[in-house]
Amino acid sequence: MPTNENPLTSGIKVVTSTVGNTAAGLTNTVGGIVGATGRGLGETIEGATGNAGKGVARGVADVGNGVEDAGRDVAGAVKRAGEGR
């Protein structure tokens, strides 16, 4: 079935989609690593200090989770942009 799309436009969409998907994947990976690291550090701090360090431990874990969530949101937006949506 013939398409009315300019070959140059079609090529640009493929490149943009590929770059967007790659950037989204990397952002998701980094966000996941930071989130997991934050949770791990939080557990370590809480385990080492008990109730005395519980607030700090939860704060560290929450920051890691926040970065992970933000990375997921950015990755989704980048992926949608790369797909032209």
N, C-alpha and C. Protein backbone atom coordinates (compact mmCIF):
# COMPACT_ATOMS: atom_id res chain seq x y z
N MET A 1 0.85 -1.17 0.00
CA MET A 1 0.00 0.00 0.00
C MET A 1 0.90 1.24 0.00
N PRO A 2 0.75 2.12 -0.98
CA PRO A 2 1.59 3.31 -1.05
C PRO A 2 1.25 4.28 0.07
N THR A 3 2.27 5.01 0.47
CA THR A 3 2.09 6.01 1.52
C THR A 3 2.37 7.39 0.96
N ASN A 4 1.74 8.39 1.51
CA ASN A 4 1.95 9.77 1.05
C ASN A 4 3.07 10.45 1.80
N GLU A 5 3.75 9.73 2.66
CA GLU A 5 4.78 10.31 3.50
C GLU A 5 6.08 10.46 2.72
N ASN A 6 6.70 11.58 2.88
CA ASN A 6 7.98 11.87 2.27
C ASN A 6 9.03 10.89 2.83
N PRO A 7 9.88 10.31 1.99
CA PRO A 7 10.89 9.37 2.50
C PRO A 7 11.81 10.01 3.55
N LEU A 8 12.13 11.28 3.38
CA LEU A 8 12.98 11.96 4.36
C LEU A 8 12.27 12.04 5.72
N THR A 9 11.00 12.38 5.70
CA THR A 9 10.22 12.44 6.94
C THR A 9 10.15 11.07 7.59
N SER A 10 9.93 10.07 6.80
CA SER A 10 9.88 8.70 7.31
C SER A 10 11.20 8.30 7.96
N GLY A 11 12.31 8.63 7.32
CA GLY A 11 13.63 8.33 7.87
C GLY A 11 13.90 9.06 9.17
N ILE A 12 13.49 10.32 9.22
CA ILE A 12 13.67 11.12 10.44
C ILE A 12 12.86 10.52 11.59
N LYS A 13 11.65 10.05 11.29
CA LYS A 13 10.83 9.44 12.33
C LYS A 13 11.48 8.17 12.88
N VAL A 14 12.08 7.38 12.01
CA VAL A 14 12.74 6.16 12.46
C VAL A 14 13.91 6.50 13.39
N VAL A 15 14.73 7.47 12.98
CA VAL A 15 15.88 7.87 13.80
C VAL A 15 15.41 8.46 15.12
N THR A 16 14.41 9.34 15.06
CA THR A 16 13.89 9.96 16.28
C THR A 16 13.32 8.91 17.23
N SER A 17 12.60 7.96 16.67
CA SER A 17 12.03 6.89 17.49
C SER A 17 13.13 6.06 18.14
N THR A 18 14.15 5.72 17.37
CA THR A 18 15.26 4.91 17.89
C THR A 18 16.00 5.66 19.00
N VAL A 19 16.29 6.92 18.76
CA VAL A 19 16.99 7.73 19.77
C VAL A 19 16.11 7.88 21.01
N GLY A 20 14.82 8.14 20.80
CA GLY A 20 13.90 8.29 21.93
C GLY A 20 13.79 7.02 22.76
N ASN A 21 13.67 5.89 22.09
CA ASN A 21 13.57 4.63 22.81
C ASN A 21 14.86 4.31 23.56
N THR A 22 16.00 4.62 22.96
CA THR A 22 17.28 4.38 23.62
C THR A 22 17.43 5.27 24.85
N ALA A 23 17.12 6.55 24.69
CA ALA A 23 17.20 7.48 25.82
C ALA A 23 16.23 7.07 26.93
N ALA A 24 15.03 6.64 26.55
CA ALA A 24 14.06 6.20 27.54
C ALA A 24 14.56 4.98 28.30
N GLY A 25 15.13 4.04 27.59
CA GLY A 25 15.66 2.84 28.24
C GLY A 25 16.78 3.17 29.20
N LEU A 26 17.68 4.05 28.78
CA LEU A 26 18.80 4.44 29.66
C LEU A 26 18.30 5.19 30.88
N THR A 27 17.33 6.07 30.68
CA THR A 27 16.77 6.82 31.81
C THR A 27 16.10 5.88 32.80
N ASN A 28 15.36 4.92 32.28
CA ASN A 28 14.72 3.92 33.15
C ASN A 28 15.77 3.13 33.92
N THR A 29 16.84 2.75 33.25
CA THR A 29 17.89 1.97 33.90
C THR A 29 18.55 2.77 35.02
N VAL A 30 18.93 4.00 34.73
CA VAL A 30 19.58 4.84 35.74
C VAL A 30 18.63 5.09 36.91
N GLY A 31 17.36 5.39 36.61
CA GLY A 31 16.39 5.61 37.68
C GLY A 31 16.23 4.38 38.56
N GLY A 32 16.20 3.21 37.94
CA GLY A 32 16.08 1.96 38.70
C GLY A 32 17.28 1.71 39.58
N ILE A 33 18.45 2.00 39.05
CA ILE A 33 19.69 1.81 39.83
C ILE A 33 19.72 2.76 41.03
N VAL A 34 19.37 4.02 40.79
CA VAL A 34 19.36 4.99 41.89
C VAL A 34 18.31 4.61 42.93
N GLY A 35 17.14 4.18 42.48
CA GLY A 35 16.09 3.78 43.41
C GLY A 35 16.51 2.59 44.26
N ALA A 36 17.07 1.58 43.61
CA ALA A 36 17.51 0.39 44.35
C ALA A 36 18.65 0.73 45.31
N THR A 37 19.55 1.58 44.88
CA THR A 37 20.67 1.99 45.73
C THR A 37 20.15 2.74 46.95
N GLY A 38 19.20 3.65 46.74
CA GLY A 38 18.63 4.40 47.85
C GLY A 38 17.94 3.50 48.86
N ARG A 39 17.18 2.53 48.35
CA ARG A 39 16.51 1.60 49.26
C ARG A 39 17.53 0.75 50.01
N GLY A 40 18.56 0.31 49.33
CA GLY A 40 19.59 -0.50 49.97
C GLY A 40 20.34 0.28 51.04
N LEU A 41 20.70 1.52 50.72
CA LEU A 41 21.39 2.37 51.71
C LEU A 41 20.48 2.63 52.91
N GLY A 42 19.20 2.88 52.62
CA GLY A 42 18.25 3.11 53.71
C GLY A 42 18.16 1.91 54.64
N GLU A 43 18.08 0.73 54.07
CA GLU A 43 18.02 -0.49 54.89
C GLU A 43 19.31 -0.67 55.69
N THR A 44 20.44 -0.36 55.06
CA THR A 44 21.73 -0.50 55.74
C THR A 44 21.82 0.47 56.92
N ILE A 45 21.43 1.71 56.69
CA ILE A 45 21.48 2.71 57.76
C ILE A 45 20.56 2.31 58.90
N GLU A 46 19.35 1.88 58.56
CA GLU A 46 18.40 1.49 59.61
C GLU A 46 18.89 0.26 60.35
N GLY A 47 19.47 -0.69 59.63
CA GLY A 47 19.99 -1.89 60.28
C GLY A 47 21.15 -1.60 61.21
N ALA A 48 21.98 -0.64 60.82
CA ALA A 48 23.16 -0.32 61.62
C ALA A 48 22.84 0.57 62.82
N THR A 49 21.81 1.41 62.68
CA THR A 49 21.55 2.38 63.74
C THR A 49 20.26 2.11 64.52
N GLY A 50 19.43 1.21 64.00
CA GLY A 50 18.16 0.93 64.67
C GLY A 50 17.22 2.11 64.59
N ASN A 51 16.46 2.31 65.65
CA ASN A 51 15.48 3.40 65.66
C ASN A 51 16.12 4.78 65.60
N ALA A 52 17.34 4.90 66.07
CA ALA A 52 18.01 6.20 66.06
C ALA A 52 18.18 6.75 64.65
N GLY A 53 18.43 5.89 63.70
CA GLY A 53 18.66 6.34 62.33
C GLY A 53 17.49 6.07 61.40
N LYS A 54 16.36 5.69 61.97
CA LYS A 54 15.21 5.31 61.14
C LYS A 54 14.74 6.45 60.24
N GLY A 55 14.69 7.66 60.76
CA GLY A 55 14.24 8.81 59.96
C GLY A 55 15.16 9.09 58.79
N VAL A 56 16.45 9.06 59.05
CA VAL A 56 17.43 9.29 57.99
C VAL A 56 17.36 8.17 56.97
N ALA A 57 17.24 6.94 57.45
CA ALA A 57 17.16 5.79 56.55
C ALA A 57 15.96 5.89 55.63
N ARG A 58 14.82 6.25 56.19
CA ARG A 58 13.61 6.39 55.38
C ARG A 58 13.76 7.55 54.40
N GLY A 59 14.41 8.62 54.83
CA GLY A 59 14.64 9.76 53.93
C GLY A 59 15.50 9.38 52.74
N VAL A 60 16.57 8.62 52.99
CA VAL A 60 17.44 8.17 51.91
C VAL A 60 16.66 7.28 50.94
N ALA A 61 15.88 6.36 51.49
CA ALA A 61 15.08 5.47 50.65
C ALA A 61 14.04 6.26 49.84
N ASP A 62 13.42 7.24 50.47
CA ASP A 62 12.42 8.05 49.77
C ASP A 62 13.02 8.86 48.64
N VAL A 63 14.22 9.40 48.85
CA VAL A 63 14.90 10.14 47.78
C VAL A 63 15.19 9.20 46.61
N GLY A 64 15.69 8.03 46.91
CA GLY A 64 15.96 7.05 45.85
C GLY A 64 14.70 6.69 45.09
N ASN A 65 13.60 6.48 45.82
CA ASN A 65 12.33 6.17 45.17
C ASN A 65 11.83 7.34 44.33
N GLY A 66 12.02 8.55 44.82
CA GLY A 66 11.61 9.74 44.06
C GLY A 66 12.37 9.87 42.75
N VAL A 67 13.67 9.63 42.80
CA VAL A 67 14.48 9.69 41.58
C VAL A 67 14.03 8.60 40.60
N GLU A 68 13.77 7.42 41.14
CA GLU A 68 13.31 6.32 40.28
C GLU A 68 11.98 6.66 39.61
N ASP A 69 11.04 7.20 40.37
CA ASP A 69 9.74 7.57 39.81
C ASP A 69 9.88 8.66 38.76
N ALA A 70 10.71 9.67 39.05
CA ALA A 70 10.92 10.75 38.09
C ALA A 70 11.57 10.21 36.81
N GLY A 71 12.54 9.32 36.96
CA GLY A 71 13.17 8.72 35.79
C GLY A 71 12.18 7.96 34.93
N ARG A 72 11.28 7.24 35.58
CA ARG A 72 10.25 6.49 34.85
C ARG A 72 9.33 7.45 34.09
N ASP A 73 8.96 8.57 34.73
CA ASP A 73 8.09 9.55 34.08
C ASP A 73 8.79 10.20 32.88
N VAL A 74 10.05 10.59 33.07
CA VAL A 74 10.81 11.20 31.98
C VAL A 74 11.00 10.20 30.85
N ALA A 75 11.33 8.97 31.19
CA ALA A 75 11.53 7.95 30.16
C ALA A 75 10.26 7.74 29.33
N GLY A 76 9.12 7.71 30.00
CA GLY A 76 7.86 7.56 29.28
C GLY A 76 7.60 8.72 28.35
N ALA A 77 7.87 9.94 28.82
CA ALA A 77 7.66 11.12 27.99
C ALA A 77 8.60 11.13 26.79
N VAL A 78 9.86 10.76 27.01
CA VAL A 78 10.83 10.72 25.92
C VAL A 78 10.43 9.66 24.89
N LYS A 79 9.97 8.52 25.36
CA LYS A 79 9.56 7.46 24.45
C LYS A 79 8.36 7.90 23.62
N ARG A 80 7.37 8.52 24.27
CA ARG A 80 6.20 9.01 23.53
C ARG A 80 6.59 10.08 22.53
N ALA A 81 7.50 10.96 22.90
CA ALA A 81 7.96 12.00 21.98
C ALA A 81 8.67 11.38 20.78
N GLY A 82 9.47 10.37 21.03
CA GLY A 82 10.17 9.69 19.94
C GLY A 82 9.23 8.98 19.00
N GLU A 83 8.07 8.58 19.52
CA GLU A 83 7.06 7.92 18.70
C GLU A 83 6.13 8.92 18.03
N GLY A 84 6.37 10.20 18.29
CA GLY A 84 5.53 11.25 17.68
C GLY A 84 4.18 11.41 18.34
N ARG A 85 4.07 10.99 19.61
CA ARG A 85 2.79 11.14 20.31
C ARG A 85 2.86 12.24 21.33
